[in-house]
N, C-alpha and C. Protein backbone atom coordinates (compact mmCIF):
# COMPACT_ATOMS: atom_id res chain seq x y z
N MET A 1 -22.03 23.91 9.89
CA MET A 1 -20.84 23.27 10.44
C MET A 1 -20.57 23.80 11.87
N GLY A 2 -20.14 22.93 12.73
CA GLY A 2 -19.77 23.46 14.08
C GLY A 2 -18.38 24.14 14.05
N ARG A 3 -17.89 24.34 15.16
CA ARG A 3 -16.54 25.05 15.18
C ARG A 3 -15.47 24.08 14.73
N TRP A 4 -14.34 24.77 14.39
CA TRP A 4 -13.27 23.88 13.76
C TRP A 4 -12.74 22.88 14.68
N GLU A 5 -12.42 21.71 14.10
CA GLU A 5 -11.83 20.62 14.87
C GLU A 5 -10.58 20.14 14.03
N PRO A 6 -9.57 19.65 14.68
CA PRO A 6 -8.38 19.25 13.99
C PRO A 6 -8.56 17.95 13.23
N ASP A 7 -7.55 17.58 12.47
CA ASP A 7 -7.44 16.44 11.69
C ASP A 7 -8.50 16.14 10.62
N SER A 8 -8.78 17.20 9.86
CA SER A 8 -9.83 17.01 8.77
C SER A 8 -9.57 15.79 7.86
N ARG A 9 -8.32 15.72 7.48
CA ARG A 9 -7.97 14.53 6.54
C ARG A 9 -8.26 13.21 7.23
N GLY A 10 -7.94 13.10 8.49
CA GLY A 10 -8.19 11.81 9.18
C GLY A 10 -9.61 11.52 9.30
N ARG A 11 -10.37 12.57 9.64
CA ARG A 11 -11.80 12.48 9.78
C ARG A 11 -12.48 12.16 8.45
N LEU A 12 -12.03 12.72 7.41
CA LEU A 12 -12.58 12.30 6.08
C LEU A 12 -12.36 10.94 5.66
N THR A 13 -11.13 10.46 5.98
CA THR A 13 -10.77 9.08 5.68
C THR A 13 -11.61 8.17 6.48
N LYS A 14 -11.76 8.45 7.76
CA LYS A 14 -12.55 7.60 8.66
C LYS A 14 -14.06 7.53 8.15
N ALA A 15 -14.58 8.62 7.85
CA ALA A 15 -15.96 8.83 7.37
C ALA A 15 -16.15 8.03 6.09
N ALA A 16 -15.22 8.23 5.13
CA ALA A 16 -15.31 7.50 3.88
C ALA A 16 -15.22 5.99 4.00
N LEU A 17 -14.41 5.48 4.81
CA LEU A 17 -14.32 4.03 5.01
C LEU A 17 -15.59 3.56 5.65
N GLU A 18 -16.11 4.24 6.67
CA GLU A 18 -17.38 3.85 7.16
C GLU A 18 -18.50 3.76 6.20
N LEU A 19 -18.59 4.83 5.37
CA LEU A 19 -19.67 4.88 4.39
C LEU A 19 -19.47 3.85 3.25
N TYR A 20 -18.25 3.69 2.81
CA TYR A 20 -17.98 2.70 1.90
C TYR A 20 -18.45 1.18 2.32
N GLY A 21 -18.10 1.07 3.69
CA GLY A 21 -18.43 -0.26 4.25
C GLY A 21 -19.93 -0.48 4.48
N GLU A 22 -20.60 0.60 4.75
CA GLU A 22 -22.08 0.60 4.99
C GLU A 22 -22.80 0.50 3.73
N ARG A 23 -22.49 1.37 2.83
CA ARG A 23 -23.36 1.66 1.60
C ARG A 23 -22.72 1.09 0.28
N GLY A 24 -21.35 0.85 0.35
CA GLY A 24 -20.73 0.58 -0.83
C GLY A 24 -19.99 1.76 -1.44
N TYR A 25 -18.87 1.52 -2.21
CA TYR A 25 -18.13 2.63 -2.72
C TYR A 25 -19.00 3.49 -3.68
N GLU A 26 -19.63 2.83 -4.64
CA GLU A 26 -20.31 3.49 -5.80
C GLU A 26 -21.55 4.34 -5.20
N GLN A 27 -22.18 3.78 -4.20
CA GLN A 27 -23.38 4.53 -3.63
C GLN A 27 -22.96 5.66 -2.70
N THR A 28 -21.70 5.88 -2.38
CA THR A 28 -21.35 6.96 -1.52
C THR A 28 -20.89 8.12 -2.23
N THR A 29 -21.38 9.28 -1.87
CA THR A 29 -20.99 10.64 -2.44
C THR A 29 -19.99 11.34 -1.62
N VAL A 30 -19.34 12.30 -2.33
CA VAL A 30 -18.36 13.17 -1.57
C VAL A 30 -19.12 14.00 -0.49
N ALA A 31 -20.36 14.41 -0.86
CA ALA A 31 -21.16 15.23 0.09
C ALA A 31 -21.44 14.43 1.31
N GLU A 32 -21.76 13.15 1.15
CA GLU A 32 -22.03 12.33 2.28
C GLU A 32 -20.82 12.16 3.24
N ILE A 33 -19.64 11.98 2.47
CA ILE A 33 -18.46 11.79 3.28
C ILE A 33 -18.13 13.07 4.08
N ALA A 34 -18.21 14.18 3.49
CA ALA A 34 -17.91 15.43 4.09
C ALA A 34 -18.97 15.69 5.20
N ARG A 35 -20.21 15.38 5.05
CA ARG A 35 -21.21 15.57 6.07
C ARG A 35 -20.86 14.76 7.24
N ARG A 36 -20.63 13.40 6.98
CA ARG A 36 -20.29 12.42 8.06
C ARG A 36 -19.07 12.92 8.86
N ALA A 37 -18.12 13.55 8.21
CA ALA A 37 -16.95 14.01 8.94
C ALA A 37 -17.11 15.37 9.57
N GLY A 38 -18.36 16.03 9.35
CA GLY A 38 -18.64 17.31 9.96
C GLY A 38 -17.88 18.41 9.18
N LEU A 39 -17.66 18.18 7.89
CA LEU A 39 -16.91 19.18 7.08
C LEU A 39 -17.73 19.53 5.89
N THR A 40 -17.11 20.35 5.06
CA THR A 40 -17.72 20.74 3.83
C THR A 40 -17.13 19.93 2.65
N GLU A 41 -17.84 19.96 1.48
CA GLU A 41 -17.27 19.34 0.31
C GLU A 41 -16.06 20.08 -0.17
N ARG A 42 -15.99 21.28 -0.01
CA ARG A 42 -14.74 22.13 -0.32
C ARG A 42 -13.58 21.65 0.50
N THR A 43 -13.80 21.37 1.70
CA THR A 43 -12.76 20.82 2.61
C THR A 43 -12.27 19.46 2.05
N PHE A 44 -13.24 18.69 1.74
CA PHE A 44 -12.94 17.35 1.12
C PHE A 44 -11.92 17.52 -0.11
N PHE A 45 -12.28 18.46 -0.93
CA PHE A 45 -11.39 18.53 -2.19
C PHE A 45 -10.14 19.29 -1.85
N ARG A 46 -9.93 19.89 -0.83
CA ARG A 46 -8.67 20.36 -0.35
C ARG A 46 -7.71 19.16 0.05
N HIS A 47 -8.29 18.12 0.44
CA HIS A 47 -7.42 16.96 0.83
C HIS A 47 -7.40 15.89 -0.29
N TYR A 48 -8.42 15.60 -0.99
CA TYR A 48 -8.46 14.62 -2.02
C TYR A 48 -9.10 15.14 -3.32
N ALA A 49 -8.56 14.63 -4.35
CA ALA A 49 -9.02 14.88 -5.74
C ALA A 49 -10.38 14.32 -6.03
N ASP A 50 -10.65 13.14 -5.50
CA ASP A 50 -11.91 12.49 -5.61
C ASP A 50 -12.05 11.47 -4.56
N LYS A 51 -13.17 10.82 -4.60
CA LYS A 51 -13.49 9.77 -3.39
C LYS A 51 -12.56 8.58 -3.48
N ARG A 52 -12.07 8.31 -4.71
CA ARG A 52 -11.13 7.11 -4.84
C ARG A 52 -9.84 7.44 -4.15
N GLU A 53 -9.37 8.63 -4.22
CA GLU A 53 -8.08 9.09 -3.65
C GLU A 53 -8.07 8.82 -2.10
N VAL A 54 -9.17 8.79 -1.52
CA VAL A 54 -9.15 8.49 -0.08
C VAL A 54 -8.46 7.08 0.22
N LEU A 55 -8.65 6.24 -0.66
CA LEU A 55 -8.11 4.91 -0.57
C LEU A 55 -6.60 4.83 -1.07
N PHE A 56 -6.18 5.68 -1.91
CA PHE A 56 -4.93 5.60 -2.60
C PHE A 56 -3.93 6.80 -2.26
N ALA A 57 -4.36 7.60 -1.40
CA ALA A 57 -3.49 8.91 -1.12
C ALA A 57 -2.09 8.61 -0.76
N GLY A 58 -1.87 7.48 -0.06
CA GLY A 58 -0.54 7.26 0.46
C GLY A 58 0.45 6.48 -0.53
N SER A 59 -0.15 6.12 -1.82
CA SER A 59 0.58 5.26 -2.73
C SER A 59 1.96 5.81 -3.05
N GLY A 60 1.94 7.11 -3.33
CA GLY A 60 3.24 7.76 -3.80
C GLY A 60 4.35 7.72 -2.67
N SER A 61 3.89 7.96 -1.55
CA SER A 61 4.92 7.91 -0.40
C SER A 61 5.38 6.55 -0.12
N LEU A 62 4.44 5.60 -0.27
CA LEU A 62 4.79 4.13 -0.04
C LEU A 62 5.86 3.77 -1.05
N GLU A 63 5.60 4.11 -2.29
CA GLU A 63 6.50 3.82 -3.46
C GLU A 63 7.89 4.45 -3.15
N GLU A 64 7.88 5.65 -2.76
CA GLU A 64 9.09 6.42 -2.54
C GLU A 64 9.94 5.76 -1.42
N LEU A 65 9.24 5.38 -0.34
CA LEU A 65 9.93 4.77 0.78
C LEU A 65 10.50 3.43 0.39
N PHE A 66 9.86 2.67 -0.42
CA PHE A 66 10.32 1.35 -0.90
C PHE A 66 11.55 1.55 -1.76
N VAL A 67 11.44 2.41 -2.67
CA VAL A 67 12.61 2.78 -3.63
C VAL A 67 13.86 3.22 -2.81
N GLN A 68 13.53 4.14 -1.82
CA GLN A 68 14.72 4.72 -1.15
C GLN A 68 15.36 3.64 -0.27
N ALA A 69 14.63 2.68 0.37
CA ALA A 69 15.30 1.69 1.09
C ALA A 69 16.02 0.65 0.22
N VAL A 70 15.61 0.37 -1.03
CA VAL A 70 16.27 -0.48 -1.98
C VAL A 70 17.60 0.31 -2.33
N ALA A 71 17.45 1.56 -2.72
CA ALA A 71 18.64 2.31 -3.10
C ALA A 71 19.64 2.51 -1.96
N GLY A 72 19.21 2.54 -0.79
CA GLY A 72 20.07 2.71 0.41
C GLY A 72 20.64 1.36 0.95
N ALA A 73 20.29 0.28 0.44
CA ALA A 73 20.81 -0.97 0.87
C ALA A 73 22.33 -0.95 0.59
N PRO A 74 23.18 -1.78 1.38
CA PRO A 74 24.57 -1.79 1.16
C PRO A 74 24.88 -2.20 -0.29
N GLU A 75 25.98 -1.61 -0.88
CA GLU A 75 26.28 -1.86 -2.22
C GLU A 75 26.51 -3.37 -2.41
N SER A 76 27.02 -4.11 -1.44
CA SER A 76 27.32 -5.53 -1.56
C SER A 76 26.15 -6.42 -1.54
N ALA A 77 24.94 -5.96 -1.14
CA ALA A 77 23.72 -6.58 -1.06
C ALA A 77 23.28 -7.13 -2.38
N ALA A 78 22.87 -8.45 -2.42
CA ALA A 78 22.29 -9.00 -3.71
C ALA A 78 21.04 -8.30 -4.02
N PRO A 79 20.55 -8.30 -5.15
CA PRO A 79 19.32 -7.64 -5.53
C PRO A 79 18.19 -7.95 -4.68
N ILE A 80 17.99 -9.32 -4.46
CA ILE A 80 16.87 -9.76 -3.59
C ILE A 80 16.97 -9.24 -2.19
N ASP A 81 18.18 -9.09 -1.75
CA ASP A 81 18.39 -8.58 -0.32
C ASP A 81 18.09 -7.08 -0.24
N ALA A 82 18.41 -6.38 -1.40
CA ALA A 82 18.06 -4.93 -1.45
C ALA A 82 16.47 -4.83 -1.42
N ILE A 83 15.82 -5.69 -2.06
CA ILE A 83 14.37 -5.69 -2.13
C ILE A 83 13.92 -6.03 -0.69
N ALA A 84 14.54 -7.03 -0.04
CA ALA A 84 14.13 -7.33 1.37
C ALA A 84 14.27 -6.09 2.30
N ALA A 85 15.26 -5.23 2.02
CA ALA A 85 15.46 -4.04 2.88
C ALA A 85 14.22 -3.11 2.62
N GLY A 86 13.71 -3.01 1.34
CA GLY A 86 12.54 -2.25 0.97
C GLY A 86 11.37 -2.77 1.62
N LEU A 87 11.24 -4.09 1.71
CA LEU A 87 10.07 -4.75 2.26
C LEU A 87 9.98 -4.42 3.78
N GLU A 88 11.19 -4.43 4.38
CA GLU A 88 11.25 -4.18 5.89
C GLU A 88 10.85 -2.70 6.07
N ALA A 89 11.28 -1.81 5.37
CA ALA A 89 10.98 -0.39 5.46
C ALA A 89 9.58 -0.11 5.34
N VAL A 90 8.90 -0.75 4.31
CA VAL A 90 7.55 -0.51 3.98
C VAL A 90 6.65 -1.19 5.10
N SER A 91 7.13 -2.26 5.67
CA SER A 91 6.37 -2.90 6.73
C SER A 91 6.27 -2.02 7.99
N GLU A 92 7.22 -1.22 8.13
CA GLU A 92 7.11 -0.30 9.37
C GLU A 92 6.09 0.80 9.19
N GLU A 93 5.74 1.09 7.99
CA GLU A 93 4.69 2.13 7.69
C GLU A 93 3.32 1.66 8.09
N PHE A 94 3.17 0.36 8.18
CA PHE A 94 1.86 -0.25 8.48
C PHE A 94 1.68 -0.60 9.94
N VAL A 95 2.67 -0.43 10.76
CA VAL A 95 2.56 -0.73 12.14
C VAL A 95 1.37 0.14 12.76
N GLY A 96 0.45 -0.61 13.45
CA GLY A 96 -0.67 0.04 14.02
C GLY A 96 -1.83 0.38 13.06
N ARG A 97 -1.64 -0.07 11.84
CA ARG A 97 -2.70 0.31 10.82
C ARG A 97 -3.49 -0.90 10.30
N ARG A 98 -3.46 -1.93 10.88
CA ARG A 98 -4.01 -3.26 10.38
C ARG A 98 -5.51 -3.07 10.13
N GLU A 99 -6.22 -2.57 11.06
CA GLU A 99 -7.68 -2.39 10.86
C GLU A 99 -8.03 -1.42 9.79
N PHE A 100 -7.34 -0.36 9.62
CA PHE A 100 -7.53 0.49 8.48
C PHE A 100 -7.23 -0.31 7.08
N ALA A 101 -6.24 -1.03 7.13
CA ALA A 101 -5.80 -1.77 5.94
C ALA A 101 -6.88 -2.80 5.57
N ARG A 102 -7.46 -3.52 6.58
CA ARG A 102 -8.41 -4.48 6.38
C ARG A 102 -9.67 -3.77 5.84
N GLN A 103 -10.14 -2.65 6.38
CA GLN A 103 -11.26 -1.92 5.81
C GLN A 103 -11.01 -1.48 4.37
N ARG A 104 -9.89 -0.92 4.20
CA ARG A 104 -9.55 -0.39 2.86
C ARG A 104 -9.61 -1.58 1.84
N GLN A 105 -8.95 -2.67 2.08
CA GLN A 105 -8.90 -3.74 1.24
C GLN A 105 -10.24 -4.38 0.96
N ALA A 106 -11.17 -4.38 1.96
CA ALA A 106 -12.49 -4.90 1.75
C ALA A 106 -13.19 -3.99 0.62
N VAL A 107 -13.07 -2.70 0.81
CA VAL A 107 -13.69 -1.72 -0.14
C VAL A 107 -13.16 -2.06 -1.54
N ILE A 108 -11.85 -2.12 -1.65
CA ILE A 108 -11.22 -2.35 -2.96
C ILE A 108 -11.67 -3.75 -3.55
N ALA A 109 -11.75 -4.80 -2.72
CA ALA A 109 -12.15 -6.13 -3.26
C ALA A 109 -13.48 -6.10 -3.84
N ALA A 110 -14.34 -5.24 -3.35
CA ALA A 110 -15.83 -5.23 -3.73
C ALA A 110 -16.06 -4.39 -5.01
N ASN A 111 -14.97 -3.76 -5.54
CA ASN A 111 -15.12 -2.84 -6.65
C ASN A 111 -14.09 -3.07 -7.74
N ALA A 112 -14.59 -3.39 -8.92
CA ALA A 112 -13.61 -3.66 -10.09
C ALA A 112 -12.75 -2.47 -10.38
N GLU A 113 -13.27 -1.28 -10.40
CA GLU A 113 -12.55 -0.06 -10.76
C GLU A 113 -11.40 0.13 -9.69
N LEU A 114 -11.69 -0.09 -8.50
CA LEU A 114 -10.73 0.04 -7.36
C LEU A 114 -9.64 -1.13 -7.49
N GLN A 115 -10.08 -2.25 -7.88
CA GLN A 115 -9.06 -3.25 -8.05
C GLN A 115 -8.11 -2.94 -9.14
N GLU A 116 -8.59 -2.37 -10.18
CA GLU A 116 -7.82 -1.95 -11.38
C GLU A 116 -6.71 -0.87 -10.75
N ARG A 117 -7.28 0.04 -10.09
CA ARG A 117 -6.37 1.12 -9.50
C ARG A 117 -5.33 0.50 -8.54
N GLU A 118 -5.62 -0.49 -7.92
CA GLU A 118 -4.67 -1.13 -6.94
C GLU A 118 -3.56 -1.79 -7.75
N LEU A 119 -3.98 -2.51 -8.89
CA LEU A 119 -3.02 -3.02 -9.77
C LEU A 119 -2.11 -2.09 -10.46
N ILE A 120 -2.64 -0.92 -10.80
CA ILE A 120 -1.80 0.13 -11.36
C ILE A 120 -0.82 0.57 -10.33
N LYS A 121 -1.31 0.69 -9.07
CA LYS A 121 -0.33 1.18 -7.99
C LYS A 121 0.78 0.12 -7.84
N LEU A 122 0.48 -1.17 -7.83
CA LEU A 122 1.53 -2.15 -7.75
C LEU A 122 2.40 -2.14 -8.90
N ALA A 123 1.95 -1.97 -10.14
CA ALA A 123 2.74 -1.90 -11.33
C ALA A 123 3.67 -0.70 -11.25
N SER A 124 3.24 0.39 -10.77
CA SER A 124 4.12 1.58 -10.59
C SER A 124 5.21 1.34 -9.62
N ILE A 125 4.82 0.66 -8.57
CA ILE A 125 5.92 0.35 -7.56
C ILE A 125 6.88 -0.52 -8.07
N SER A 126 6.51 -1.57 -8.87
CA SER A 126 7.40 -2.48 -9.61
C SER A 126 8.36 -1.75 -10.48
N ALA A 127 7.81 -0.90 -11.32
CA ALA A 127 8.68 -0.16 -12.34
C ALA A 127 9.60 0.71 -11.53
N ALA A 128 9.29 1.30 -10.46
CA ALA A 128 10.17 2.19 -9.72
C ALA A 128 11.19 1.37 -9.00
N LEU A 129 10.95 0.18 -8.46
CA LEU A 129 11.96 -0.70 -7.91
C LEU A 129 12.93 -1.20 -8.98
N ALA A 130 12.47 -1.57 -10.21
CA ALA A 130 13.34 -2.00 -11.25
C ALA A 130 14.30 -0.97 -11.63
N ASP A 131 13.78 0.38 -11.68
CA ASP A 131 14.73 1.52 -11.94
C ASP A 131 15.82 1.62 -10.87
N ALA A 132 15.36 1.48 -9.66
CA ALA A 132 16.32 1.59 -8.48
C ALA A 132 17.35 0.46 -8.56
N LEU A 133 16.88 -0.74 -8.94
CA LEU A 133 17.92 -1.81 -8.96
C LEU A 133 18.84 -1.61 -10.20
N ARG A 134 18.31 -1.07 -11.30
CA ARG A 134 19.22 -0.78 -12.41
C ARG A 134 20.24 0.21 -12.00
N ARG A 135 19.89 1.27 -11.24
CA ARG A 135 20.76 2.23 -10.79
C ARG A 135 21.89 1.60 -9.90
N ARG A 136 21.54 0.45 -9.29
CA ARG A 136 22.44 -0.28 -8.48
C ARG A 136 23.41 -1.20 -9.35
N GLY A 137 23.10 -1.17 -10.55
CA GLY A 137 23.95 -2.04 -11.52
C GLY A 137 23.42 -3.36 -11.81
N VAL A 138 22.05 -3.56 -11.49
CA VAL A 138 21.44 -4.79 -11.87
C VAL A 138 21.06 -4.75 -13.20
N ALA A 139 21.30 -5.79 -14.13
CA ALA A 139 20.96 -5.74 -15.56
C ALA A 139 19.48 -5.70 -15.75
N GLY A 140 19.04 -5.21 -16.91
CA GLY A 140 17.58 -4.87 -17.16
C GLY A 140 16.68 -6.04 -16.81
N PRO A 141 16.67 -7.29 -17.39
CA PRO A 141 15.77 -8.30 -17.24
C PRO A 141 15.78 -8.74 -15.64
N ALA A 142 16.99 -8.83 -15.13
CA ALA A 142 17.09 -9.26 -13.71
C ALA A 142 16.54 -8.27 -12.87
N ALA A 143 16.66 -6.95 -13.17
CA ALA A 143 16.07 -5.91 -12.26
C ALA A 143 14.59 -5.93 -12.31
N SER A 144 13.99 -6.13 -13.49
CA SER A 144 12.50 -6.15 -13.56
C SER A 144 11.95 -7.43 -12.92
N LEU A 145 12.64 -8.56 -13.09
CA LEU A 145 12.24 -9.76 -12.50
C LEU A 145 12.25 -9.70 -10.96
N THR A 146 13.38 -9.14 -10.44
CA THR A 146 13.51 -8.97 -9.02
C THR A 146 12.49 -8.03 -8.38
N ALA A 147 12.11 -6.92 -9.11
CA ALA A 147 11.19 -5.95 -8.71
C ALA A 147 9.83 -6.62 -8.62
N GLU A 148 9.51 -7.38 -9.72
CA GLU A 148 8.18 -8.03 -9.70
C GLU A 148 8.08 -9.01 -8.50
N VAL A 149 9.16 -9.72 -8.26
CA VAL A 149 9.18 -10.73 -7.21
C VAL A 149 8.99 -9.89 -5.78
N GLY A 150 9.60 -8.77 -5.68
CA GLY A 150 9.42 -7.94 -4.49
C GLY A 150 7.96 -7.57 -4.36
N VAL A 151 7.32 -7.15 -5.46
CA VAL A 151 5.86 -6.67 -5.28
C VAL A 151 5.13 -8.05 -4.94
N ALA A 152 5.36 -9.07 -5.49
CA ALA A 152 4.56 -10.35 -5.25
C ALA A 152 4.77 -10.68 -3.76
N VAL A 153 5.92 -10.63 -3.28
CA VAL A 153 6.15 -10.85 -1.80
C VAL A 153 5.35 -9.93 -0.99
N PHE A 154 5.41 -8.61 -1.32
CA PHE A 154 4.69 -7.63 -0.65
C PHE A 154 3.19 -8.00 -0.62
N LYS A 155 2.67 -8.29 -1.74
CA LYS A 155 1.28 -8.61 -1.93
C LYS A 155 0.80 -9.80 -1.12
N VAL A 156 1.58 -10.85 -1.18
CA VAL A 156 1.28 -12.12 -0.47
C VAL A 156 1.37 -11.81 1.11
N GLY A 157 2.47 -11.22 1.56
CA GLY A 157 2.55 -10.89 2.96
C GLY A 157 1.46 -9.99 3.39
N PHE A 158 1.07 -9.00 2.62
CA PHE A 158 0.03 -8.11 2.98
C PHE A 158 -1.30 -8.76 3.15
N GLU A 159 -1.64 -9.70 2.14
CA GLU A 159 -2.84 -10.42 2.18
C GLU A 159 -2.97 -11.40 3.45
N LEU A 160 -1.82 -11.99 3.84
CA LEU A 160 -1.73 -12.74 5.04
C LEU A 160 -2.05 -11.85 6.23
N TRP A 161 -1.38 -10.66 6.30
CA TRP A 161 -1.48 -9.70 7.41
C TRP A 161 -2.84 -9.31 7.68
N ILE A 162 -3.66 -9.07 6.60
CA ILE A 162 -5.00 -8.51 6.78
C ILE A 162 -6.03 -9.57 7.06
N ALA A 163 -5.65 -10.82 7.04
CA ALA A 163 -6.62 -11.92 7.30
C ALA A 163 -7.10 -11.74 8.73
N ALA A 164 -8.33 -12.06 8.93
CA ALA A 164 -9.05 -11.88 10.16
C ALA A 164 -8.40 -12.56 11.32
N SER A 165 -7.83 -13.74 11.16
CA SER A 165 -7.17 -14.49 12.25
C SER A 165 -5.75 -14.16 12.41
N GLU A 166 -5.12 -13.41 11.63
CA GLU A 166 -3.65 -13.11 11.65
C GLU A 166 -3.29 -12.14 12.81
N GLU A 167 -2.26 -12.49 13.56
CA GLU A 167 -1.81 -11.64 14.66
C GLU A 167 -0.32 -11.28 14.48
N ARG A 168 0.44 -11.93 13.53
CA ARG A 168 1.80 -11.64 13.38
C ARG A 168 1.94 -10.21 12.68
N GLU A 169 3.12 -9.63 12.92
CA GLU A 169 3.41 -8.40 12.31
C GLU A 169 3.69 -8.52 10.84
N LEU A 170 3.42 -7.44 10.06
CA LEU A 170 3.70 -7.51 8.69
C LEU A 170 5.16 -7.75 8.38
N SER A 171 6.08 -7.15 9.04
CA SER A 171 7.43 -7.43 8.76
C SER A 171 7.83 -8.93 8.86
N GLN A 172 7.23 -9.53 9.88
CA GLN A 172 7.57 -11.01 9.98
C GLN A 172 6.91 -11.81 8.81
N LEU A 173 5.76 -11.44 8.45
CA LEU A 173 5.15 -12.08 7.32
C LEU A 173 5.84 -11.86 6.03
N MET A 174 6.47 -10.66 5.80
CA MET A 174 7.21 -10.29 4.60
C MET A 174 8.47 -11.21 4.62
N ARG A 175 9.12 -11.27 5.76
CA ARG A 175 10.35 -12.12 5.85
C ARG A 175 10.05 -13.52 5.52
N GLU A 176 8.92 -14.12 6.15
CA GLU A 176 8.48 -15.50 5.93
C GLU A 176 8.24 -15.68 4.46
N SER A 177 7.53 -14.83 3.83
CA SER A 177 7.17 -14.87 2.49
C SER A 177 8.35 -14.96 1.55
N LEU A 178 9.25 -14.08 1.85
CA LEU A 178 10.55 -14.04 1.01
C LEU A 178 11.35 -15.28 1.33
N ASP A 179 11.42 -15.78 2.57
CA ASP A 179 12.15 -16.96 2.77
C ASP A 179 11.58 -18.25 2.08
N GLU A 180 10.21 -18.26 1.99
CA GLU A 180 9.52 -19.33 1.25
C GLU A 180 9.86 -19.20 -0.22
N LEU A 181 9.95 -17.98 -0.75
CA LEU A 181 10.26 -17.81 -2.17
C LEU A 181 11.68 -18.38 -2.41
N LYS A 182 12.59 -17.97 -1.57
CA LYS A 182 13.95 -18.42 -1.69
C LYS A 182 14.06 -19.93 -1.63
N ALA A 183 13.26 -20.55 -0.67
CA ALA A 183 13.31 -21.98 -0.61
C ALA A 183 12.81 -22.74 -1.75
N VAL A 184 11.74 -22.11 -2.39
CA VAL A 184 11.18 -22.67 -3.58
C VAL A 184 12.07 -22.58 -4.74
N THR A 185 12.77 -21.44 -4.89
CA THR A 185 13.66 -21.24 -6.04
C THR A 185 15.02 -22.02 -5.94
N ALA A 186 15.31 -22.32 -4.61
CA ALA A 186 16.61 -22.96 -4.36
C ALA A 186 16.44 -24.58 -4.53
N SER A 187 15.26 -25.08 -4.38
CA SER A 187 15.02 -26.51 -4.46
C SER A 187 14.77 -26.93 -5.75
N GLY A 188 15.81 -27.27 -6.56
CA GLY A 188 15.79 -27.97 -7.86
C GLY A 188 14.87 -27.33 -8.85
């Protein structure tokens, strides 16, 4: 290995995404990721538990941000408006990260195990949002339903945002998706 260089975690992430794209997730080893990043396997394991976690390392902080924004919405806000505050906060975390998100999603889409992990992440976010809404006084079934709707809006907005031809910001797509949902539910 050469002399020390900063941003080991970022270099590992970049190397992993490159290799996953070139060779596929299953065919890529931790040793190859570390070598591509100019680091050791030991350094890899200081940052990630396994090669899957390169793709999911930010899940916990994303969930926490979403929940905090919902909890911090004005008390007078309707449950769906509290979710909208969460969607707005989460959207800000993705500013400038569209290409990374596109690469990450392509790797996930190509692997059933990773798709399952992504669904688990979304289910965890939904459960945490439902708990946050219950703490705001929203009744059980309504809290769960609103949380699931919030995750669905996030998922639809995110899928639109990573499309190759899309140029609008994620926050705009989240608002538009939520507005479409409100229009659909309001019309008879």
